């Protein structure tokens, strides 16, 4: 395990730089730090999503357990990003999301129209996490334009955003909430 912090503030970032896992310092506006920050925000959004699913309802236990697993992997991705050339996310992680995604999606009716991120707080939280995941993916793609990244990390975020979209639809189905369909010119 890395260093333990006994004192949270160090004042080393007061100059607008931050340390990364290899010991170097970079500007807080660096593409790597933007990607790490977006991934950190995604993890917080996943935490909010699980808080919204906390119920005495066995129907959501599987989703909660999987999101908990996802949070650990998202944390791994942040660690991977903080140390150039370090790899934690693998194709097996991407495949696990695909498996869970297929399980949820198989029970849903095909989409007939665009849906809005609405219907209930839990549905909206899933969509919020999805949109933050998409931003995280864009930051990772931006970083990849300047430096090599682990490709499964980017794929992981792409599949995760798909999973979160389908999870929102799954929540609507289980809670018997009609999906809010986009309507042109209303």
N, C-alpha and C. Protein backbone atom coordinates (compact mmCIF):
# COMPACT_ATOMS: atom_id res chain seq x y z
N UNK A 1 0.86 -1.17 0.00
CA UNK A 1 0.00 0.00 0.00
C UNK A 1 0.90 1.23 0.00
N UNK A 2 0.45 2.29 -0.61
CA UNK A 2 1.20 3.54 -0.70
C UNK A 2 1.28 4.26 0.62
N UNK A 3 1.72 5.47 0.55
CA UNK A 3 1.86 6.31 1.73
C UNK A 3 0.52 6.55 2.40
N UNK A 4 0.53 6.59 3.70
CA UNK A 4 -0.67 6.94 4.47
C UNK A 4 -0.58 8.41 4.81
N UNK A 5 -1.70 9.10 4.67
CA UNK A 5 -1.73 10.52 4.98
C UNK A 5 -2.20 10.72 6.41
N UNK A 6 -1.35 11.30 7.21
CA UNK A 6 -1.78 11.64 8.57
C UNK A 6 -2.22 13.09 8.62
N UNK A 7 -1.81 13.85 7.62
CA UNK A 7 -2.18 15.26 7.53
C UNK A 7 -2.72 15.47 6.11
N UNK A 8 -3.95 15.93 5.99
CA UNK A 8 -4.58 16.02 4.68
C UNK A 8 -4.03 17.19 3.86
N UNK A 9 -3.84 18.32 4.46
CA UNK A 9 -3.31 19.43 3.68
C UNK A 9 -1.79 19.43 3.73
N UNK A 10 -1.19 19.63 2.55
CA UNK A 10 0.26 19.64 2.44
C UNK A 10 0.81 20.97 1.96
N UNK A 11 -0.07 21.77 1.37
CA UNK A 11 0.27 23.08 0.80
C UNK A 11 1.13 22.97 -0.47
N UNK A 12 1.43 21.74 -0.89
CA UNK A 12 2.27 21.59 -2.07
C UNK A 12 1.53 21.95 -3.36
N UNK A 13 0.21 21.95 -3.31
CA UNK A 13 -0.57 22.30 -4.50
C UNK A 13 -0.93 23.76 -4.59
N UNK A 14 -0.46 24.55 -3.64
CA UNK A 14 -0.78 25.97 -3.64
C UNK A 14 -0.25 26.70 -4.87
N UNK A 15 0.74 26.13 -5.53
CA UNK A 15 1.32 26.76 -6.73
C UNK A 15 0.59 26.36 -8.01
N UNK A 16 -0.53 25.60 -7.89
CA UNK A 16 -1.29 25.21 -9.08
C UNK A 16 -0.82 23.91 -9.70
N UNK A 17 0.02 23.17 -9.00
CA UNK A 17 0.46 21.87 -9.48
C UNK A 17 -0.02 20.80 -8.52
N UNK A 18 0.07 19.56 -8.99
CA UNK A 18 -0.27 18.43 -8.13
C UNK A 18 0.66 17.28 -8.44
N UNK A 19 0.87 16.43 -7.45
CA UNK A 19 1.73 15.27 -7.65
C UNK A 19 0.95 14.11 -8.23
N UNK A 20 1.61 13.33 -9.09
CA UNK A 20 1.00 12.11 -9.59
C UNK A 20 1.81 10.93 -9.07
N UNK A 21 1.33 9.74 -9.32
CA UNK A 21 1.86 8.53 -8.71
C UNK A 21 3.31 8.22 -8.99
N UNK A 22 3.86 8.76 -10.06
CA UNK A 22 5.27 8.49 -10.35
C UNK A 22 6.20 9.49 -9.66
N UNK A 23 5.62 10.38 -8.85
CA UNK A 23 6.41 11.35 -8.11
C UNK A 23 6.58 12.70 -8.80
N UNK A 24 6.19 12.79 -10.06
CA UNK A 24 6.32 14.07 -10.77
C UNK A 24 5.16 14.99 -10.41
N UNK A 25 5.34 16.27 -10.72
CA UNK A 25 4.30 17.27 -10.49
C UNK A 25 3.88 17.82 -11.84
N UNK A 26 2.58 18.02 -11.97
CA UNK A 26 2.02 18.55 -13.21
C UNK A 26 1.02 19.64 -12.87
N UNK A 27 0.73 20.53 -13.83
CA UNK A 27 -0.30 21.55 -13.58
C UNK A 27 -1.65 20.88 -13.30
N UNK A 28 -2.44 21.50 -12.45
CA UNK A 28 -3.76 20.95 -12.14
C UNK A 28 -4.69 20.98 -13.34
N UNK A 29 -4.31 21.68 -14.39
CA UNK A 29 -5.10 21.73 -15.63
C UNK A 29 -4.60 20.72 -16.66
N UNK A 30 -3.61 19.93 -16.33
CA UNK A 30 -3.07 18.92 -17.23
C UNK A 30 -4.16 17.93 -17.63
N UNK A 31 -4.10 17.43 -18.86
CA UNK A 31 -5.11 16.49 -19.35
C UNK A 31 -5.21 15.25 -18.46
N UNK A 32 -4.09 14.81 -17.90
CA UNK A 32 -4.11 13.65 -17.01
C UNK A 32 -4.92 13.95 -15.74
N UNK A 33 -4.73 15.14 -15.20
CA UNK A 33 -5.46 15.52 -13.98
C UNK A 33 -6.93 15.72 -14.28
N UNK A 34 -7.25 16.26 -15.45
CA UNK A 34 -8.66 16.39 -15.87
C UNK A 34 -9.32 15.02 -15.96
N UNK A 35 -8.60 14.04 -16.50
CA UNK A 35 -9.15 12.68 -16.61
C UNK A 35 -9.31 12.05 -15.22
N UNK A 36 -8.31 12.21 -14.37
CA UNK A 36 -8.40 11.67 -13.02
C UNK A 36 -9.57 12.30 -12.27
N UNK A 37 -9.72 13.61 -12.41
CA UNK A 37 -10.81 14.31 -11.73
C UNK A 37 -12.18 13.86 -12.21
N UNK A 38 -12.32 13.66 -13.51
CA UNK A 38 -13.60 13.21 -14.06
C UNK A 38 -13.92 11.79 -13.57
N UNK A 39 -12.92 10.94 -13.49
CA UNK A 39 -13.11 9.57 -13.01
C UNK A 39 -13.48 9.60 -11.52
N UNK A 40 -12.87 10.48 -10.76
CA UNK A 40 -13.21 10.63 -9.35
C UNK A 40 -14.66 11.09 -9.20
N UNK A 41 -15.06 12.04 -10.02
CA UNK A 41 -16.45 12.52 -9.99
C UNK A 41 -17.41 11.39 -10.35
N UNK A 42 -17.03 10.56 -11.31
CA UNK A 42 -17.86 9.41 -11.67
C UNK A 42 -18.04 8.49 -10.48
N UNK A 43 -16.98 8.24 -9.74
CA UNK A 43 -17.09 7.36 -8.59
C UNK A 43 -18.06 7.93 -7.55
N UNK A 44 -18.02 9.23 -7.36
CA UNK A 44 -18.97 9.87 -6.44
C UNK A 44 -20.40 9.72 -6.94
N UNK A 45 -20.59 9.86 -8.25
CA UNK A 45 -21.93 9.71 -8.82
C UNK A 45 -22.43 8.28 -8.66
N UNK A 46 -21.53 7.31 -8.78
CA UNK A 46 -21.93 5.92 -8.54
C UNK A 46 -22.34 5.72 -7.08
N UNK A 47 -21.64 6.38 -6.17
CA UNK A 47 -22.02 6.32 -4.76
C UNK A 47 -23.40 6.91 -4.53
N UNK A 48 -23.69 8.03 -5.19
CA UNK A 48 -25.02 8.63 -5.08
C UNK A 48 -26.08 7.70 -5.67
N UNK A 49 -25.74 7.03 -6.75
CA UNK A 49 -26.67 6.09 -7.37
C UNK A 49 -27.01 4.95 -6.40
N UNK A 50 -26.00 4.37 -5.78
CA UNK A 50 -26.28 3.28 -4.85
C UNK A 50 -27.07 3.77 -3.64
N UNK A 51 -26.80 5.00 -3.20
CA UNK A 51 -27.58 5.56 -2.09
C UNK A 51 -29.04 5.68 -2.48
N UNK A 52 -29.31 5.99 -3.75
CA UNK A 52 -30.68 6.10 -4.23
C UNK A 52 -31.36 4.75 -4.41
N UNK A 53 -30.57 3.69 -4.47
CA UNK A 53 -31.14 2.35 -4.62
C UNK A 53 -31.24 1.61 -3.30
N UNK A 54 -30.77 2.23 -2.22
CA UNK A 54 -30.81 1.58 -0.92
C UNK A 54 -32.24 1.44 -0.47
N UNK A 55 -32.69 0.21 -0.48
CA UNK A 55 -34.07 -0.10 -0.10
C UNK A 55 -34.08 -1.51 0.46
N UNK A 56 -35.12 -1.82 1.15
CA UNK A 56 -35.31 -3.20 1.57
C UNK A 56 -36.03 -3.92 0.44
N UNK A 57 -35.35 -4.04 -0.67
CA UNK A 57 -35.95 -4.55 -1.88
C UNK A 57 -34.93 -5.43 -2.60
N UNK A 58 -35.13 -6.70 -2.58
CA UNK A 58 -34.18 -7.65 -3.16
C UNK A 58 -33.99 -7.45 -4.66
N UNK A 59 -34.94 -6.78 -5.31
CA UNK A 59 -34.83 -6.58 -6.76
C UNK A 59 -33.59 -5.76 -7.12
N UNK A 60 -33.08 -4.94 -6.20
CA UNK A 60 -31.96 -4.06 -6.50
C UNK A 60 -30.64 -4.53 -5.89
N UNK A 61 -30.66 -5.65 -5.18
CA UNK A 61 -29.44 -6.14 -4.54
C UNK A 61 -28.35 -6.45 -5.56
N UNK A 62 -28.70 -7.07 -6.66
CA UNK A 62 -27.70 -7.40 -7.68
C UNK A 62 -27.08 -6.15 -8.28
N UNK A 63 -27.91 -5.16 -8.57
CA UNK A 63 -27.39 -3.90 -9.13
C UNK A 63 -26.50 -3.20 -8.12
N UNK A 64 -26.92 -3.17 -6.87
CA UNK A 64 -26.10 -2.52 -5.85
C UNK A 64 -24.75 -3.21 -5.70
N UNK A 65 -24.74 -4.52 -5.68
CA UNK A 65 -23.49 -5.25 -5.55
C UNK A 65 -22.59 -4.99 -6.75
N UNK A 66 -23.18 -4.95 -7.95
CA UNK A 66 -22.37 -4.71 -9.14
C UNK A 66 -21.84 -3.28 -9.15
N UNK A 67 -22.64 -2.33 -8.78
CA UNK A 67 -22.17 -0.94 -8.73
C UNK A 67 -21.05 -0.80 -7.70
N UNK A 68 -21.17 -1.50 -6.59
CA UNK A 68 -20.09 -1.50 -5.60
C UNK A 68 -18.80 -2.02 -6.23
N UNK A 69 -18.88 -3.11 -6.98
CA UNK A 69 -17.72 -3.64 -7.70
C UNK A 69 -17.19 -2.60 -8.69
N UNK A 70 -18.12 -1.96 -9.40
CA UNK A 70 -17.72 -0.92 -10.35
C UNK A 70 -16.96 0.21 -9.68
N UNK A 71 -17.40 0.61 -8.50
CA UNK A 71 -16.72 1.70 -7.79
C UNK A 71 -15.26 1.34 -7.52
N UNK A 72 -15.01 0.12 -7.16
CA UNK A 72 -13.63 -0.30 -6.93
C UNK A 72 -12.82 -0.26 -8.22
N UNK A 73 -13.44 -0.68 -9.32
CA UNK A 73 -12.73 -0.66 -10.60
C UNK A 73 -12.53 0.78 -11.09
N UNK A 74 -13.50 1.66 -10.86
CA UNK A 74 -13.33 3.06 -11.23
C UNK A 74 -12.19 3.67 -10.41
N UNK A 75 -12.09 3.30 -9.14
CA UNK A 75 -10.97 3.75 -8.32
C UNK A 75 -9.66 3.22 -8.91
N UNK A 76 -9.66 1.96 -9.34
CA UNK A 76 -8.48 1.39 -9.99
C UNK A 76 -8.11 2.20 -11.23
N UNK A 77 -9.11 2.57 -12.01
CA UNK A 77 -8.84 3.36 -13.22
C UNK A 77 -8.19 4.69 -12.86
N UNK A 78 -8.68 5.33 -11.81
CA UNK A 78 -8.03 6.57 -11.36
C UNK A 78 -6.59 6.34 -10.97
N UNK A 79 -6.33 5.22 -10.28
CA UNK A 79 -4.96 4.88 -9.92
C UNK A 79 -4.10 4.63 -11.15
N UNK A 80 -4.69 3.95 -12.11
CA UNK A 80 -3.99 3.68 -13.36
C UNK A 80 -3.61 4.98 -14.06
N UNK A 81 -4.53 5.93 -14.06
CA UNK A 81 -4.26 7.22 -14.70
C UNK A 81 -3.22 8.04 -13.96
N UNK A 82 -3.10 7.81 -12.66
CA UNK A 82 -2.17 8.62 -11.87
C UNK A 82 -0.73 8.17 -12.00
N UNK A 83 -0.52 7.01 -12.59
CA UNK A 83 0.85 6.50 -12.80
C UNK A 83 1.00 6.15 -14.27
N UNK A 84 1.69 6.98 -15.03
CA UNK A 84 1.85 6.68 -16.46
C UNK A 84 2.38 5.26 -16.68
N UNK A 85 1.80 4.58 -17.66
CA UNK A 85 2.16 3.22 -18.07
C UNK A 85 1.78 2.14 -17.05
N UNK A 86 0.98 2.47 -16.05
CA UNK A 86 0.52 1.51 -15.06
C UNK A 86 -0.81 0.94 -15.54
N UNK A 87 -1.03 -0.36 -15.38
CA UNK A 87 -2.25 -1.00 -15.89
C UNK A 87 -2.94 -1.77 -14.77
N UNK A 88 -4.21 -1.48 -14.57
CA UNK A 88 -5.05 -2.23 -13.64
C UNK A 88 -6.32 -2.74 -14.32
N UNK A 89 -6.86 -1.97 -15.25
CA UNK A 89 -8.11 -2.35 -15.93
C UNK A 89 -7.77 -3.24 -17.12
N UNK A 90 -8.47 -4.37 -17.21
CA UNK A 90 -8.19 -5.34 -18.26
C UNK A 90 -9.45 -5.60 -19.09
N UNK A 91 -9.27 -6.37 -20.14
CA UNK A 91 -10.41 -6.76 -20.97
C UNK A 91 -11.43 -7.57 -20.16
N UNK A 92 -10.98 -8.30 -19.15
CA UNK A 92 -11.90 -9.08 -18.31
C UNK A 92 -12.87 -8.15 -17.58
N UNK A 93 -12.42 -6.96 -17.18
CA UNK A 93 -13.31 -6.00 -16.53
C UNK A 93 -14.37 -5.50 -17.51
N UNK A 94 -13.94 -5.24 -18.73
CA UNK A 94 -14.87 -4.79 -19.78
C UNK A 94 -15.90 -5.89 -20.05
N UNK A 95 -15.44 -7.12 -20.13
CA UNK A 95 -16.34 -8.25 -20.39
C UNK A 95 -17.33 -8.44 -19.26
N UNK A 96 -16.92 -8.20 -18.02
CA UNK A 96 -17.87 -8.34 -16.90
C UNK A 96 -19.00 -7.33 -17.02
N UNK A 97 -18.67 -6.10 -17.43
CA UNK A 97 -19.73 -5.11 -17.63
C UNK A 97 -20.65 -5.57 -18.75
N UNK A 98 -20.09 -6.08 -19.83
CA UNK A 98 -20.91 -6.55 -20.95
C UNK A 98 -21.87 -7.65 -20.50
N UNK A 99 -21.41 -8.54 -19.66
CA UNK A 99 -22.26 -9.62 -19.15
C UNK A 99 -23.42 -9.06 -18.35
N UNK A 100 -23.12 -8.16 -17.43
CA UNK A 100 -24.18 -7.54 -16.60
C UNK A 100 -25.13 -6.72 -17.47
N UNK A 101 -24.58 -6.02 -18.43
CA UNK A 101 -25.38 -5.21 -19.34
C UNK A 101 -26.35 -6.09 -20.13
N UNK A 102 -25.87 -7.19 -20.64
CA UNK A 102 -26.73 -8.09 -21.40
C UNK A 102 -27.85 -8.66 -20.53
N UNK A 103 -27.54 -9.01 -19.28
CA UNK A 103 -28.56 -9.54 -18.38
C UNK A 103 -29.70 -8.54 -18.17
N UNK A 104 -29.35 -7.28 -17.96
CA UNK A 104 -30.39 -6.26 -17.75
C UNK A 104 -31.14 -5.97 -19.04
N UNK A 105 -30.40 -5.85 -20.12
CA UNK A 105 -31.00 -5.43 -21.39
C UNK A 105 -31.95 -6.49 -21.95
N UNK A 106 -31.65 -7.75 -21.71
CA UNK A 106 -32.50 -8.83 -22.24
C UNK A 106 -33.92 -8.76 -21.71
N UNK A 107 -34.12 -8.17 -20.54
CA UNK A 107 -35.47 -8.09 -19.94
C UNK A 107 -36.24 -6.84 -20.37
N UNK A 108 -35.59 -5.98 -21.17
CA UNK A 108 -36.23 -4.71 -21.55
C UNK A 108 -36.84 -4.78 -22.94
N UNK A 109 -37.89 -4.00 -23.13
CA UNK A 109 -38.44 -3.84 -24.47
C UNK A 109 -37.47 -3.02 -25.31
N UNK A 110 -37.44 -3.25 -26.62
CA UNK A 110 -36.57 -2.44 -27.47
C UNK A 110 -36.98 -0.96 -27.40
N UNK A 111 -36.00 -0.10 -27.54
CA UNK A 111 -36.28 1.34 -27.54
C UNK A 111 -37.06 1.72 -28.79
N UNK A 112 -38.07 2.53 -28.61
CA UNK A 112 -38.87 3.02 -29.73
C UNK A 112 -38.59 4.50 -30.00
N UNK A 113 -37.94 5.15 -29.04
CA UNK A 113 -37.72 6.59 -29.15
C UNK A 113 -36.60 6.95 -28.18
N UNK A 114 -36.13 8.18 -28.25
CA UNK A 114 -35.19 8.66 -27.25
C UNK A 114 -35.92 8.81 -25.93
N UNK A 115 -35.20 8.55 -24.84
CA UNK A 115 -35.81 8.76 -23.53
C UNK A 115 -35.06 9.87 -22.80
N UNK A 116 -35.79 10.54 -21.95
CA UNK A 116 -35.20 11.63 -21.17
C UNK A 116 -34.75 11.10 -19.82
N UNK A 117 -33.75 11.73 -19.21
CA UNK A 117 -33.28 11.30 -17.90
C UNK A 117 -34.24 11.77 -16.81
N UNK A 118 -35.37 11.13 -16.71
CA UNK A 118 -36.42 11.55 -15.79
C UNK A 118 -37.29 10.35 -15.43
N UNK A 119 -38.22 10.58 -14.51
CA UNK A 119 -39.17 9.55 -14.11
C UNK A 119 -39.16 9.33 -12.62
N UNK A 120 -37.96 9.27 -12.04
CA UNK A 120 -37.82 9.14 -10.59
C UNK A 120 -36.41 9.58 -10.22
N UNK A 121 -36.20 9.76 -8.93
CA UNK A 121 -34.86 10.16 -8.49
C UNK A 121 -33.82 9.09 -8.83
N UNK A 122 -34.16 7.83 -8.62
CA UNK A 122 -33.21 6.74 -8.92
C UNK A 122 -32.87 6.69 -10.40
N UNK A 123 -33.86 6.87 -11.25
CA UNK A 123 -33.61 6.88 -12.70
C UNK A 123 -32.71 8.06 -13.06
N UNK A 124 -33.03 9.23 -12.52
CA UNK A 124 -32.23 10.41 -12.81
C UNK A 124 -30.79 10.25 -12.31
N UNK A 125 -30.60 9.61 -11.17
CA UNK A 125 -29.24 9.38 -10.65
C UNK A 125 -28.46 8.47 -11.59
N UNK A 126 -29.11 7.46 -12.14
CA UNK A 126 -28.43 6.57 -13.09
C UNK A 126 -28.02 7.35 -14.33
N UNK A 127 -28.90 8.22 -14.81
CA UNK A 127 -28.56 9.02 -15.99
C UNK A 127 -27.48 10.06 -15.68
N UNK A 128 -27.50 10.61 -14.47
CA UNK A 128 -26.44 11.56 -14.09
C UNK A 128 -25.10 10.85 -14.07
N UNK A 129 -25.05 9.67 -13.48
CA UNK A 129 -23.81 8.89 -13.48
C UNK A 129 -23.39 8.56 -14.91
N UNK A 130 -24.36 8.25 -15.78
CA UNK A 130 -24.05 7.96 -17.18
C UNK A 130 -23.41 9.16 -17.87
N UNK A 131 -23.98 10.33 -17.67
CA UNK A 131 -23.44 11.51 -18.36
C UNK A 131 -22.06 11.88 -17.80
N UNK A 132 -21.83 11.68 -16.52
CA UNK A 132 -20.50 11.92 -15.94
C UNK A 132 -19.51 10.88 -16.47
N UNK A 133 -19.98 9.65 -16.66
CA UNK A 133 -19.14 8.61 -17.24
C UNK A 133 -18.73 8.98 -18.66
N UNK A 134 -19.67 9.53 -19.42
CA UNK A 134 -19.34 9.96 -20.79
C UNK A 134 -18.29 11.06 -20.78
N UNK A 135 -18.42 12.00 -19.84
CA UNK A 135 -17.42 13.06 -19.73
C UNK A 135 -16.06 12.46 -19.37
N UNK A 136 -16.06 11.50 -18.46
CA UNK A 136 -14.81 10.83 -18.08
C UNK A 136 -14.16 10.19 -19.30
N UNK A 137 -14.99 9.55 -20.10
CA UNK A 137 -14.47 8.93 -21.32
C UNK A 137 -13.88 9.97 -22.26
N UNK A 138 -14.55 11.11 -22.42
CA UNK A 138 -14.02 12.16 -23.29
C UNK A 138 -12.68 12.68 -22.77
N UNK A 139 -12.55 12.81 -21.45
CA UNK A 139 -11.28 13.27 -20.87
C UNK A 139 -10.18 12.24 -21.12
N UNK A 140 -10.54 10.96 -21.04
CA UNK A 140 -9.57 9.91 -21.29
C UNK A 140 -9.14 9.91 -22.75
N UNK A 141 -10.08 10.11 -23.65
CA UNK A 141 -9.75 10.19 -25.07
C UNK A 141 -8.85 11.41 -25.33
N UNK A 142 -9.15 12.53 -24.66
CA UNK A 142 -8.29 13.71 -24.78
C UNK A 142 -6.88 13.43 -24.30
N UNK A 143 -6.76 12.74 -23.20
CA UNK A 143 -5.44 12.37 -22.68
C UNK A 143 -4.72 11.46 -23.67
N UNK A 144 -5.46 10.52 -24.27
CA UNK A 144 -4.86 9.58 -25.21
C UNK A 144 -4.33 10.27 -26.46
N UNK A 145 -4.84 11.45 -26.76
CA UNK A 145 -4.32 12.20 -27.91
C UNK A 145 -2.90 12.70 -27.65
N UNK A 146 -2.52 12.81 -26.38
CA UNK A 146 -1.21 13.34 -26.03
C UNK A 146 -0.24 12.28 -25.52
N UNK A 147 -0.78 11.18 -25.00
CA UNK A 147 0.08 10.16 -24.40
C UNK A 147 -0.61 8.81 -24.48
N UNK A 148 0.13 7.73 -24.60
CA UNK A 148 -0.51 6.41 -24.66
C UNK A 148 -1.28 6.10 -23.36
N UNK A 149 -2.44 5.48 -23.53
CA UNK A 149 -3.23 5.03 -22.37
C UNK A 149 -3.56 3.56 -22.56
N UNK A 150 -3.99 2.95 -21.50
CA UNK A 150 -4.43 1.56 -21.53
C UNK A 150 -5.81 1.50 -22.20
N UNK A 151 -5.89 0.89 -23.35
CA UNK A 151 -7.13 0.85 -24.13
C UNK A 151 -8.30 0.24 -23.38
N UNK A 152 -8.13 -0.84 -22.61
CA UNK A 152 -9.28 -1.36 -21.86
C UNK A 152 -9.87 -0.34 -20.87
N UNK A 153 -9.09 0.63 -20.39
CA UNK A 153 -9.64 1.65 -19.52
C UNK A 153 -10.68 2.50 -20.23
N UNK A 154 -10.38 2.87 -21.47
CA UNK A 154 -11.33 3.65 -22.25
C UNK A 154 -12.56 2.81 -22.58
N UNK A 155 -12.35 1.56 -22.95
CA UNK A 155 -13.45 0.66 -23.25
C UNK A 155 -14.32 0.44 -22.02
N UNK A 156 -13.69 0.34 -20.85
CA UNK A 156 -14.40 0.18 -19.60
C UNK A 156 -15.40 1.32 -19.40
N UNK A 157 -14.96 2.55 -19.62
CA UNK A 157 -15.86 3.69 -19.46
C UNK A 157 -16.96 3.68 -20.50
N UNK A 158 -16.63 3.29 -21.71
CA UNK A 158 -17.65 3.24 -22.76
C UNK A 158 -18.74 2.22 -22.40
N UNK A 159 -18.35 1.04 -21.94
CA UNK A 159 -19.34 0.03 -21.56
C UNK A 159 -20.09 0.45 -20.30
N UNK A 160 -19.39 1.10 -19.38
CA UNK A 160 -20.05 1.52 -18.15
C UNK A 160 -21.16 2.51 -18.44
N UNK A 161 -20.93 3.44 -19.36
CA UNK A 161 -22.00 4.40 -19.67
C UNK A 161 -23.19 3.68 -20.30
N UNK A 162 -22.93 2.67 -21.12
CA UNK A 162 -24.03 1.88 -21.67
C UNK A 162 -24.78 1.14 -20.57
N UNK A 163 -24.03 0.57 -19.63
CA UNK A 163 -24.64 -0.14 -18.51
C UNK A 163 -25.54 0.81 -17.71
N UNK A 164 -25.05 2.01 -17.45
CA UNK A 164 -25.84 2.96 -16.65
C UNK A 164 -27.11 3.38 -17.37
N UNK A 165 -27.06 3.51 -18.69
CA UNK A 165 -28.26 3.81 -19.46
C UNK A 165 -29.28 2.68 -19.31
N UNK A 166 -28.81 1.46 -19.48
CA UNK A 166 -29.71 0.31 -19.38
C UNK A 166 -30.19 0.14 -17.94
N UNK A 167 -29.34 0.43 -16.97
CA UNK A 167 -29.75 0.35 -15.57
C UNK A 167 -30.89 1.33 -15.30
N UNK A 168 -30.83 2.53 -15.85
CA UNK A 168 -31.91 3.50 -15.68
C UNK A 168 -33.22 2.93 -16.22
N UNK A 169 -33.15 2.29 -17.37
CA UNK A 169 -34.34 1.66 -17.95
C UNK A 169 -34.82 0.49 -17.09
N UNK A 170 -33.88 -0.26 -16.54
CA UNK A 170 -34.19 -1.39 -15.66
C UNK A 170 -34.89 -0.91 -14.39
N UNK A 171 -34.41 0.17 -13.82
CA UNK A 171 -35.05 0.74 -12.63
C UNK A 171 -36.49 1.15 -12.96
N UNK A 172 -36.67 1.79 -14.09
CA UNK A 172 -38.02 2.21 -14.49
C UNK A 172 -38.93 0.99 -14.62
N UNK A 173 -38.42 -0.07 -15.21
CA UNK A 173 -39.24 -1.28 -15.38
C UNK A 173 -39.60 -1.89 -14.04
N UNK A 174 -38.61 -2.04 -13.16
CA UNK A 174 -38.89 -2.67 -11.87
C UNK A 174 -39.81 -1.82 -11.00
N UNK A 175 -39.66 -0.51 -11.07
CA UNK A 175 -40.51 0.38 -10.28
C UNK A 175 -41.82 0.73 -10.99
N UNK A 176 -42.02 0.15 -12.17
CA UNK A 176 -43.23 0.37 -12.96
C UNK A 176 -43.46 1.86 -13.22
N UNK A 177 -42.40 2.53 -13.63
CA UNK A 177 -42.45 3.95 -13.97
C UNK A 177 -42.32 4.07 -15.48
N UNK A 178 -43.28 4.68 -16.14
CA UNK A 178 -43.16 4.83 -17.59
C UNK A 178 -41.94 5.67 -17.95
N UNK A 179 -41.21 5.22 -18.97
CA UNK A 179 -40.07 6.00 -19.43
C UNK A 179 -40.58 7.30 -20.03
N UNK A 180 -39.86 8.37 -19.79
CA UNK A 180 -40.24 9.68 -20.32
C UNK A 180 -39.65 9.79 -21.71
N UNK A 181 -40.50 9.69 -22.70
CA UNK A 181 -40.05 9.73 -24.09
C UNK A 181 -39.90 11.16 -24.58
N UNK A 182 -38.85 11.37 -25.35
CA UNK A 182 -38.62 12.68 -25.97
C UNK A 182 -39.73 12.91 -26.99
N UNK A 183 -40.23 14.15 -27.00
CA UNK A 183 -41.25 14.53 -27.97
C UNK A 183 -40.77 15.77 -28.70
N UNK A 184 -40.83 15.70 -29.99
CA UNK A 184 -40.42 16.83 -30.82
C UNK A 184 -41.49 17.92 -30.79
N UNK A 185 -41.06 19.16 -30.62
CA UNK A 185 -41.93 20.33 -30.74
C UNK A 185 -43.12 20.32 -29.79
N UNK A 186 -42.93 19.98 -28.52
CA UNK A 186 -44.06 20.08 -27.59
C UNK A 186 -44.00 21.41 -26.85
